[in-house]
Structures are given as structure tokens and as C-alpha cells.
Amino acid sequence: MQVLVRDNNVEQALRVLKKKMQREGIFREMKARSAYEKPSEKRVREKAEAVRRYRKLARKKAQREGLLPAPKKAVRAR
């Protein structure tokens, strides 16, 4: 992973790096690897993740078909 530092602005580069790592799921993986996870707990977690993915996909499909209203856009003040 690579982040460019512009104008010696290390704080901004760190923020960008953290955002990229968050998107890639590195923090979640580090937390998962920090301690042993029993096989039964792993099965339960993976099953819950699969259900979450399926529901998210079904929700997006329903929104595309017009059965559900689209989510509200967040307005950021600058």
C-alpha cells in the first residue's frame, strides 16, 4: 500500500493511509489475529457475515427495483 506525502503534510498522509487500510479490512484482520478464535466461533462469525452480505445485496436490489426508497444522501458542510 502506498500513500504520497504532499507538501510535507504527514498528518494528511496518515489519514489517507488509515482510510485505505480501513477499506481493505486490515484493522479487522489484525484484531481477529490478535487472539485465538475457536472453530465454533469462527463458523458462527462467518455465517453471520454471510447473512449480512446477503441482506445488503437484497436491500440494494430492492432499491434498484424501486421497492425501497433510496438512502438519504449525507450533506457535508465545507
N, C-alpha and C. Protein backbone atom coordinates (compact mmCIF):
# COMPACT_ATOMS: atom_id res chain seq x y z
N MET A 1 0.85 -1.17 0.00
CA MET A 1 0.00 0.00 0.00
C MET A 1 0.90 1.24 0.00
N GLN A 2 0.52 2.22 -0.78
CA GLN A 2 1.38 3.38 -0.94
C GLN A 2 0.55 4.64 -0.81
N VAL A 3 1.10 5.63 -0.07
CA VAL A 3 0.45 6.92 0.09
C VAL A 3 1.49 7.99 -0.17
N LEU A 4 1.14 8.97 -0.99
CA LEU A 4 2.06 10.06 -1.29
C LEU A 4 1.91 11.17 -0.24
N VAL A 5 3.04 11.70 0.21
CA VAL A 5 3.05 12.82 1.15
C VAL A 5 3.27 14.09 0.35
N ARG A 6 2.30 14.98 0.40
CA ARG A 6 2.40 16.23 -0.36
C ARG A 6 2.70 17.38 0.59
N ASP A 7 3.63 18.23 0.21
CA ASP A 7 3.99 19.43 0.98
C ASP A 7 4.36 19.11 2.42
N ASN A 8 5.02 17.99 2.65
CA ASN A 8 5.42 17.54 3.99
C ASN A 8 4.25 17.46 4.96
N ASN A 9 3.06 17.20 4.46
CA ASN A 9 1.86 17.11 5.29
C ASN A 9 1.66 15.64 5.69
N VAL A 10 2.36 15.25 6.76
CA VAL A 10 2.34 13.85 7.20
C VAL A 10 0.98 13.49 7.80
N GLU A 11 0.34 14.45 8.50
CA GLU A 11 -0.95 14.16 9.13
C GLU A 11 -2.00 13.78 8.10
N GLN A 12 -2.02 14.50 6.99
CA GLN A 12 -2.99 14.19 5.94
C GLN A 12 -2.66 12.83 5.31
N ALA A 13 -1.38 12.53 5.12
CA ALA A 13 -0.99 11.24 4.54
C ALA A 13 -1.38 10.10 5.48
N LEU A 14 -1.24 10.31 6.79
CA LEU A 14 -1.64 9.27 7.74
C LEU A 14 -3.14 9.04 7.69
N ARG A 15 -3.91 10.12 7.58
CA ARG A 15 -5.36 9.98 7.48
C ARG A 15 -5.74 9.18 6.24
N VAL A 16 -5.08 9.47 5.12
CA VAL A 16 -5.37 8.75 3.88
C VAL A 16 -4.99 7.28 4.03
N LEU A 17 -3.84 7.02 4.66
CA LEU A 17 -3.39 5.64 4.86
C LEU A 17 -4.38 4.87 5.73
N LYS A 18 -4.82 5.47 6.82
CA LYS A 18 -5.78 4.80 7.71
C LYS A 18 -7.08 4.50 6.99
N LYS A 19 -7.53 5.43 6.14
CA LYS A 19 -8.77 5.22 5.40
C LYS A 19 -8.61 4.06 4.42
N LYS A 20 -7.45 3.99 3.74
CA LYS A 20 -7.20 2.89 2.81
C LYS A 20 -7.15 1.55 3.55
N MET A 21 -6.48 1.54 4.71
CA MET A 21 -6.39 0.30 5.49
C MET A 21 -7.76 -0.12 5.99
N GLN A 22 -8.58 0.83 6.40
CA GLN A 22 -9.93 0.52 6.85
C GLN A 22 -10.74 -0.10 5.72
N ARG A 23 -10.63 0.47 4.52
CA ARG A 23 -11.37 -0.03 3.37
C ARG A 23 -10.94 -1.45 3.02
N GLU A 24 -9.66 -1.75 3.15
CA GLU A 24 -9.14 -3.07 2.82
C GLU A 24 -9.45 -4.11 3.89
N GLY A 25 -9.86 -3.68 5.08
CA GLY A 25 -10.19 -4.61 6.16
C GLY A 25 -8.98 -5.07 6.95
N ILE A 26 -7.89 -4.31 6.92
CA ILE A 26 -6.67 -4.71 7.61
C ILE A 26 -6.85 -4.63 9.12
N PHE A 27 -7.54 -3.59 9.60
CA PHE A 27 -7.73 -3.45 11.04
C PHE A 27 -8.57 -4.60 11.60
N ARG A 28 -9.60 -4.99 10.86
CA ARG A 28 -10.45 -6.10 11.30
C ARG A 28 -9.64 -7.40 11.35
N GLU A 29 -8.79 -7.59 10.35
CA GLU A 29 -7.97 -8.81 10.31
C GLU A 29 -6.94 -8.83 11.43
N MET A 30 -6.34 -7.67 11.73
CA MET A 30 -5.38 -7.61 12.83
C MET A 30 -6.05 -7.94 14.15
N LYS A 31 -7.26 -7.43 14.36
CA LYS A 31 -7.99 -7.71 15.59
C LYS A 31 -8.33 -9.20 15.68
N ALA A 32 -8.71 -9.78 14.56
CA ALA A 32 -9.07 -11.20 14.55
C ALA A 32 -7.86 -12.08 14.82
N ARG A 33 -6.69 -11.68 14.34
CA ARG A 33 -5.49 -12.49 14.53
C ARG A 33 -4.81 -12.26 15.87
N SER A 34 -5.26 -11.25 16.62
CA SER A 34 -4.59 -10.94 17.89
C SER A 34 -4.85 -12.02 18.94
N ALA A 35 -5.93 -12.75 18.82
CA ALA A 35 -6.24 -13.80 19.79
C ALA A 35 -6.79 -15.01 19.04
N TYR A 36 -6.70 -16.17 19.67
CA TYR A 36 -7.18 -17.40 19.06
C TYR A 36 -8.70 -17.39 18.98
N GLU A 37 -9.22 -17.84 17.86
CA GLU A 37 -10.66 -17.94 17.67
C GLU A 37 -11.02 -19.41 17.53
N LYS A 38 -11.89 -19.87 18.41
CA LYS A 38 -12.29 -21.27 18.35
C LYS A 38 -13.01 -21.55 17.03
N PRO A 39 -12.86 -22.78 16.52
CA PRO A 39 -13.52 -23.11 15.25
C PRO A 39 -15.03 -22.89 15.28
N SER A 40 -15.67 -23.17 16.43
CA SER A 40 -17.12 -22.96 16.51
C SER A 40 -17.44 -21.46 16.43
N GLU A 41 -16.63 -20.62 17.06
CA GLU A 41 -16.85 -19.17 17.00
C GLU A 41 -16.61 -18.66 15.58
N LYS A 42 -15.63 -19.25 14.90
CA LYS A 42 -15.33 -18.85 13.53
C LYS A 42 -16.50 -19.17 12.61
N ARG A 43 -17.09 -20.37 12.79
CA ARG A 43 -18.24 -20.75 11.97
C ARG A 43 -19.40 -19.79 12.20
N VAL A 44 -19.66 -19.46 13.46
CA VAL A 44 -20.77 -18.55 13.79
C VAL A 44 -20.51 -17.17 13.16
N ARG A 45 -19.29 -16.67 13.26
CA ARG A 45 -18.95 -15.35 12.71
C ARG A 45 -19.09 -15.34 11.19
N GLU A 46 -18.56 -16.37 10.54
CA GLU A 46 -18.63 -16.43 9.08
C GLU A 46 -20.07 -16.55 8.59
N LYS A 47 -20.89 -17.31 9.32
CA LYS A 47 -22.30 -17.44 8.96
C LYS A 47 -23.01 -16.09 9.08
N ALA A 48 -22.72 -15.35 10.17
CA ALA A 48 -23.33 -14.03 10.37
C ALA A 48 -22.89 -13.06 9.28
N GLU A 49 -21.61 -13.13 8.90
CA GLU A 49 -21.13 -12.25 7.83
C GLU A 49 -21.82 -12.57 6.51
N ALA A 50 -22.03 -13.85 6.24
CA ALA A 50 -22.70 -14.25 5.00
C ALA A 50 -24.15 -13.74 4.98
N VAL A 51 -24.83 -13.85 6.12
CA VAL A 51 -26.21 -13.36 6.20
C VAL A 51 -26.24 -11.86 5.99
N ARG A 52 -25.27 -11.14 6.60
CA ARG A 52 -25.20 -9.69 6.45
C ARG A 52 -24.98 -9.29 4.99
N ARG A 53 -24.06 -10.01 4.32
CA ARG A 53 -23.80 -9.73 2.90
C ARG A 53 -25.06 -9.97 2.06
N TYR A 54 -25.76 -11.08 2.32
CA TYR A 54 -26.95 -11.43 1.56
C TYR A 54 -28.04 -10.38 1.74
N ARG A 55 -28.24 -9.95 2.99
CA ARG A 55 -29.27 -8.94 3.26
C ARG A 55 -28.93 -7.61 2.60
N LYS A 56 -27.64 -7.25 2.63
CA LYS A 56 -27.22 -6.00 2.00
C LYS A 56 -27.48 -6.07 0.49
N LEU A 57 -27.14 -7.20 -0.12
CA LEU A 57 -27.35 -7.37 -1.55
C LEU A 57 -28.84 -7.31 -1.89
N ALA A 58 -29.68 -7.96 -1.07
CA ALA A 58 -31.12 -7.95 -1.30
C ALA A 58 -31.68 -6.54 -1.14
N ARG A 59 -31.17 -5.78 -0.15
CA ARG A 59 -31.62 -4.41 0.07
C ARG A 59 -31.27 -3.53 -1.13
N LYS A 60 -30.04 -3.66 -1.63
CA LYS A 60 -29.62 -2.87 -2.79
C LYS A 60 -30.45 -3.23 -4.02
N LYS A 61 -30.74 -4.51 -4.20
CA LYS A 61 -31.54 -4.94 -5.34
C LYS A 61 -32.95 -4.37 -5.25
N ALA A 62 -33.53 -4.36 -4.05
CA ALA A 62 -34.87 -3.82 -3.87
C ALA A 62 -34.88 -2.32 -4.13
N GLN A 63 -33.81 -1.63 -3.75
CA GLN A 63 -33.72 -0.19 -4.00
C GLN A 63 -33.63 0.08 -5.51
N ARG A 64 -32.84 -0.74 -6.21
CA ARG A 64 -32.71 -0.55 -7.66
C ARG A 64 -34.05 -0.77 -8.37
N GLU A 65 -34.84 -1.73 -7.86
CA GLU A 65 -36.13 -2.04 -8.48
C GLU A 65 -37.23 -1.09 -8.04
N GLY A 66 -36.92 -0.20 -7.11
CA GLY A 66 -37.90 0.79 -6.66
C GLY A 66 -38.83 0.31 -5.57
N LEU A 67 -38.55 -0.84 -4.98
CA LEU A 67 -39.40 -1.36 -3.91
C LEU A 67 -39.11 -0.68 -2.58
N LEU A 68 -37.89 -0.18 -2.41
CA LEU A 68 -37.49 0.54 -1.21
C LEU A 68 -36.98 1.92 -1.61
N PRO A 69 -37.20 2.91 -0.75
CA PRO A 69 -36.64 4.23 -1.08
C PRO A 69 -35.12 4.21 -0.98
N ALA A 70 -34.47 5.01 -1.80
CA ALA A 70 -33.00 5.10 -1.78
C ALA A 70 -32.58 5.77 -0.49
N PRO A 71 -31.39 5.46 0.02
CA PRO A 71 -30.92 6.09 1.25
C PRO A 71 -30.69 7.58 1.03
N LYS A 72 -30.86 8.34 2.11
CA LYS A 72 -30.66 9.79 2.05
C LYS A 72 -29.17 10.09 1.86
N LYS A 73 -28.89 11.07 1.03
CA LYS A 73 -27.50 11.49 0.81
C LYS A 73 -27.09 12.38 1.96
N ALA A 74 -25.91 12.13 2.52
CA ALA A 74 -25.39 12.95 3.60
C ALA A 74 -24.82 14.23 3.02
N VAL A 75 -25.23 15.36 3.57
CA VAL A 75 -24.75 16.65 3.10
C VAL A 75 -23.65 17.11 4.04
N ARG A 76 -22.46 17.30 3.47
CA ARG A 76 -21.31 17.73 4.27
C ARG A 76 -21.10 19.22 4.08
N ALA A 77 -20.97 19.93 5.19
CA ALA A 77 -20.67 21.36 5.11
C ALA A 77 -19.17 21.54 5.00
N ARG A 78 -18.74 22.43 4.11
CA ARG A 78 -17.30 22.65 3.94
C ARG A 78 -16.93 24.02 4.36
